[in-house]
Amino acid sequence: MGSTTSPDGGSLYQKRRILIPAVLLLVISIAVASFFIWHHRSLEQIANEAADESQVDIPADATQVTANYDRIRIQGGCSRVSFLLPTPQWRTYVEEYATEHLTPSSYGPTSTCDKIPFDCVDDVRPNGLTGFIAKDEVDDGAKYRYLFVIPDCEPGKTLISWSTFDL
């Protein structure tokens, strides 16, 4: 039978009892640290990534900016950036980016990554608020881009929401 004693006189079993938990603790520590470094991004960073994905800019006078951006992309990844813009400015802003005409809609957005966190979205319905929608392709047809607009979402403010989906 082989010996379970190491050349320096210590038991291999005792060394393994210490070494295996130490290695596991190190691996878990690295995984946890990587998770927090990877996922901790500011709202501004996330919003800028989502805006870049939609190939639009967030105006300097936009308020209440919200965003969702999937960093890990598998087929069907999506991003969304939404904000309020002073109502007199929304048409000029949208015309800068929208390649298709806006279509009036009495229904809320059907294509978005996650719920748009503004109360007025639920008020878009027949006999309620009217929104506007547009859809086009970006990145040479690799992605769909959706625009949803609700004028006067709040007094004097228009909701602008861009969503982009990988094809």
Protein backbone atom coordinates (compact mmCIF):
# COMPACT_ATOMS: atom_id res chain seq x y z
CA MET A 1 0.00 0.00 0.00
CA GLY A 2 1.17 3.53 -0.73
CA SER A 3 2.01 6.05 1.93
CA THR A 4 -0.27 9.01 2.66
CA THR A 5 2.55 11.00 4.17
CA SER A 6 4.18 13.78 2.20
CA PRO A 7 7.99 14.07 1.98
CA ASP A 8 8.00 16.82 4.63
CA GLY A 9 6.16 14.57 7.08
CA GLY A 10 2.63 16.10 6.82
CA SER A 11 -0.39 14.04 5.89
CA LEU A 12 -1.66 14.55 2.32
CA TYR A 13 -5.17 14.28 3.69
CA GLN A 14 -4.56 17.24 6.04
CA LYS A 15 -3.07 19.32 3.26
CA ARG A 16 -6.03 18.59 0.99
CA ARG A 17 -8.46 19.54 3.76
CA ILE A 18 -6.91 23.01 3.79
CA LEU A 19 -6.01 23.41 0.11
CA ILE A 20 -9.38 22.49 -1.46
CA PRO A 21 -11.48 24.95 0.63
CA ALA A 22 -8.85 27.66 0.08
CA VAL A 23 -8.99 27.19 -3.70
CA LEU A 24 -12.81 27.12 -3.66
CA LEU A 25 -12.90 30.30 -1.59
CA LEU A 26 -10.52 32.00 -4.03
CA VAL A 27 -12.60 30.94 -7.06
CA ILE A 28 -15.86 32.09 -5.44
CA SER A 29 -14.29 35.42 -4.44
CA ILE A 30 -13.10 36.05 -7.99
CA ALA A 31 -16.53 35.12 -9.41
CA VAL A 32 -18.39 37.42 -7.00
CA ALA A 33 -16.00 40.32 -7.61
CA SER A 34 -16.31 39.85 -11.39
CA PHE A 35 -20.10 39.82 -11.14
CA PHE A 36 -20.21 43.13 -9.28
CA ILE A 37 -17.62 44.78 -11.52
CA TRP A 38 -19.44 43.54 -14.64
CA HIS A 39 -22.92 44.56 -13.54
CA HIS A 40 -22.28 47.77 -11.67
CA ARG A 41 -22.79 50.51 -14.21
CA SER A 42 -24.39 53.86 -13.75
CA LEU A 43 -27.74 54.74 -15.30
CA GLU A 44 -25.90 57.22 -17.50
CA GLN A 45 -23.66 54.45 -18.88
CA ILE A 46 -26.61 52.14 -19.50
CA ALA A 47 -28.63 54.93 -21.16
CA ASN A 48 -25.73 55.89 -23.42
CA GLU A 49 -25.19 52.24 -24.44
CA ALA A 50 -28.91 51.87 -25.24
CA ALA A 51 -28.94 55.15 -27.18
CA ASP A 52 -25.85 54.07 -29.16
CA GLU A 53 -27.60 50.79 -29.94
CA SER A 54 -30.57 52.74 -31.33
CA GLN A 55 -28.21 55.15 -33.10
CA VAL A 56 -29.72 58.20 -31.41
CA ASP A 57 -28.58 60.84 -28.96
CA ILE A 58 -30.19 61.72 -25.67
CA PRO A 59 -30.84 65.48 -25.76
CA ALA A 60 -29.22 67.56 -23.04
CA ASP A 61 -32.62 68.79 -21.85
CA ALA A 62 -34.10 65.28 -21.55
CA THR A 63 -35.34 64.42 -18.07
CA GLN A 64 -36.32 61.24 -16.23
CA VAL A 65 -34.06 59.08 -18.39
CA THR A 66 -34.54 55.32 -17.96
CA ALA A 67 -32.82 52.54 -19.86
CA ASN A 68 -32.30 48.83 -20.30
CA TYR A 69 -29.34 47.37 -22.17
CA ASP A 70 -28.34 43.69 -22.47
CA ARG A 71 -24.57 43.47 -22.45
CA ILE A 72 -24.56 39.75 -23.15
CA ARG A 73 -26.18 39.29 -26.54
CA ILE A 74 -27.71 36.11 -27.74
CA GLN A 75 -30.11 36.16 -30.64
CA GLY A 76 -32.96 38.46 -29.72
CA GLY A 77 -31.05 40.85 -27.46
CA CYS A 78 -32.68 44.21 -26.92
CA SER A 79 -32.19 47.65 -25.48
CA ARG A 80 -34.48 50.52 -24.51
CA VAL A 81 -33.94 54.15 -23.62
CA SER A 82 -36.84 56.40 -22.60
CA PHE A 83 -37.00 60.01 -21.47
CA LEU A 84 -39.17 63.09 -21.28
CA LEU A 85 -38.50 65.98 -23.63
CA PRO A 86 -40.12 69.43 -23.60
CA THR A 87 -43.20 69.08 -25.81
CA PRO A 88 -42.31 71.86 -28.30
CA GLN A 89 -39.05 70.01 -29.15
CA TRP A 90 -40.20 66.45 -29.74
CA ARG A 91 -41.11 66.64 -33.45
CA THR A 92 -37.79 68.24 -34.42
CA TYR A 93 -35.90 65.64 -32.38
CA VAL A 94 -37.82 62.69 -33.85
CA GLU A 95 -37.49 63.96 -37.44
CA GLU A 96 -33.72 63.88 -36.98
CA TYR A 97 -33.78 60.08 -36.54
CA ALA A 98 -37.04 58.52 -37.70
CA THR A 99 -36.80 57.16 -41.23
CA GLU A 100 -40.50 56.29 -41.40
CA HIS A 101 -43.53 58.41 -40.70
CA LEU A 102 -44.99 58.30 -37.24
CA THR A 103 -48.29 56.47 -37.12
CA PRO A 104 -50.89 57.50 -34.54
CA SER A 105 -51.69 54.69 -32.12
CA SER A 106 -54.37 54.33 -29.49
CA TYR A 107 -52.51 51.36 -28.00
CA GLY A 108 -49.36 51.25 -25.93
CA PRO A 109 -46.07 49.91 -27.25
CA THR A 110 -46.11 46.29 -28.34
CA SER A 111 -42.39 46.08 -28.97
CA THR A 112 -40.20 46.97 -26.06
CA CYS A 113 -37.65 45.13 -23.95
CA ASP A 114 -39.32 45.88 -20.68
CA LYS A 115 -42.16 47.98 -19.38
CA ILE A 116 -41.66 51.69 -20.01
CA PRO A 117 -41.81 53.11 -16.48
CA PHE A 118 -44.08 56.08 -17.13
CA ASP A 119 -47.71 56.18 -16.01
CA CYS A 120 -48.92 57.78 -19.24
CA VAL A 121 -48.12 54.59 -21.19
CA ASP A 122 -51.10 52.89 -19.57
CA ASP A 123 -53.29 55.86 -20.59
CA VAL A 124 -52.73 55.27 -24.32
CA ARG A 125 -55.97 53.61 -25.39
CA PRO A 126 -59.08 54.37 -27.40
CA ASN A 127 -60.78 57.41 -25.84
CA GLY A 128 -57.54 58.14 -23.97
CA LEU A 129 -54.13 59.49 -24.94
CA THR A 130 -52.87 58.96 -28.46
CA GLY A 131 -49.29 57.85 -28.96
CA PHE A 132 -47.23 57.63 -32.12
CA ILE A 133 -45.14 54.70 -33.31
CA ALA A 134 -42.51 54.13 -35.98
CA LYS A 135 -40.29 51.20 -36.88
CA ASP A 136 -37.22 50.92 -39.07
CA GLU A 137 -34.01 48.93 -39.41
CA VAL A 138 -30.53 49.93 -38.30
CA ASP A 139 -27.06 48.38 -38.67
CA ASP A 140 -27.72 47.43 -42.30
CA GLY A 141 -30.87 45.52 -41.38
CA ALA A 142 -29.35 43.60 -38.46
CA LYS A 143 -31.67 45.23 -35.92
CA TYR A 144 -35.19 46.58 -35.67
CA ARG A 145 -35.57 49.96 -34.05
CA TYR A 146 -38.91 51.04 -32.58
CA LEU A 147 -39.94 54.52 -31.55
CA PHE A 148 -42.86 55.24 -29.27
CA VAL A 149 -43.92 58.83 -28.55
CA ILE A 150 -46.61 60.16 -26.20
CA PRO A 151 -47.08 63.94 -26.42
CA ASP A 152 -48.02 65.53 -23.11
CA CYS A 153 -47.17 62.45 -21.11
CA GLU A 154 -46.75 64.98 -18.31
CA PRO A 155 -47.73 68.64 -18.56
CA GLY A 156 -45.36 70.20 -21.08
CA LYS A 157 -43.33 66.97 -21.49
CA THR A 158 -43.40 64.33 -24.22
CA LEU A 159 -42.31 60.73 -23.68
CA ILE A 160 -39.77 59.45 -26.20
CA SER A 161 -38.89 55.75 -26.06
CA TRP A 162 -36.48 53.95 -28.39
CA SER A 163 -36.20 50.14 -28.43
CA THR A 164 -33.79 48.10 -30.51
CA PHE A 165 -34.00 44.34 -31.15
CA ASP A 166 -31.40 42.06 -32.72
CA LEU A 167 -32.71 40.05 -35.65
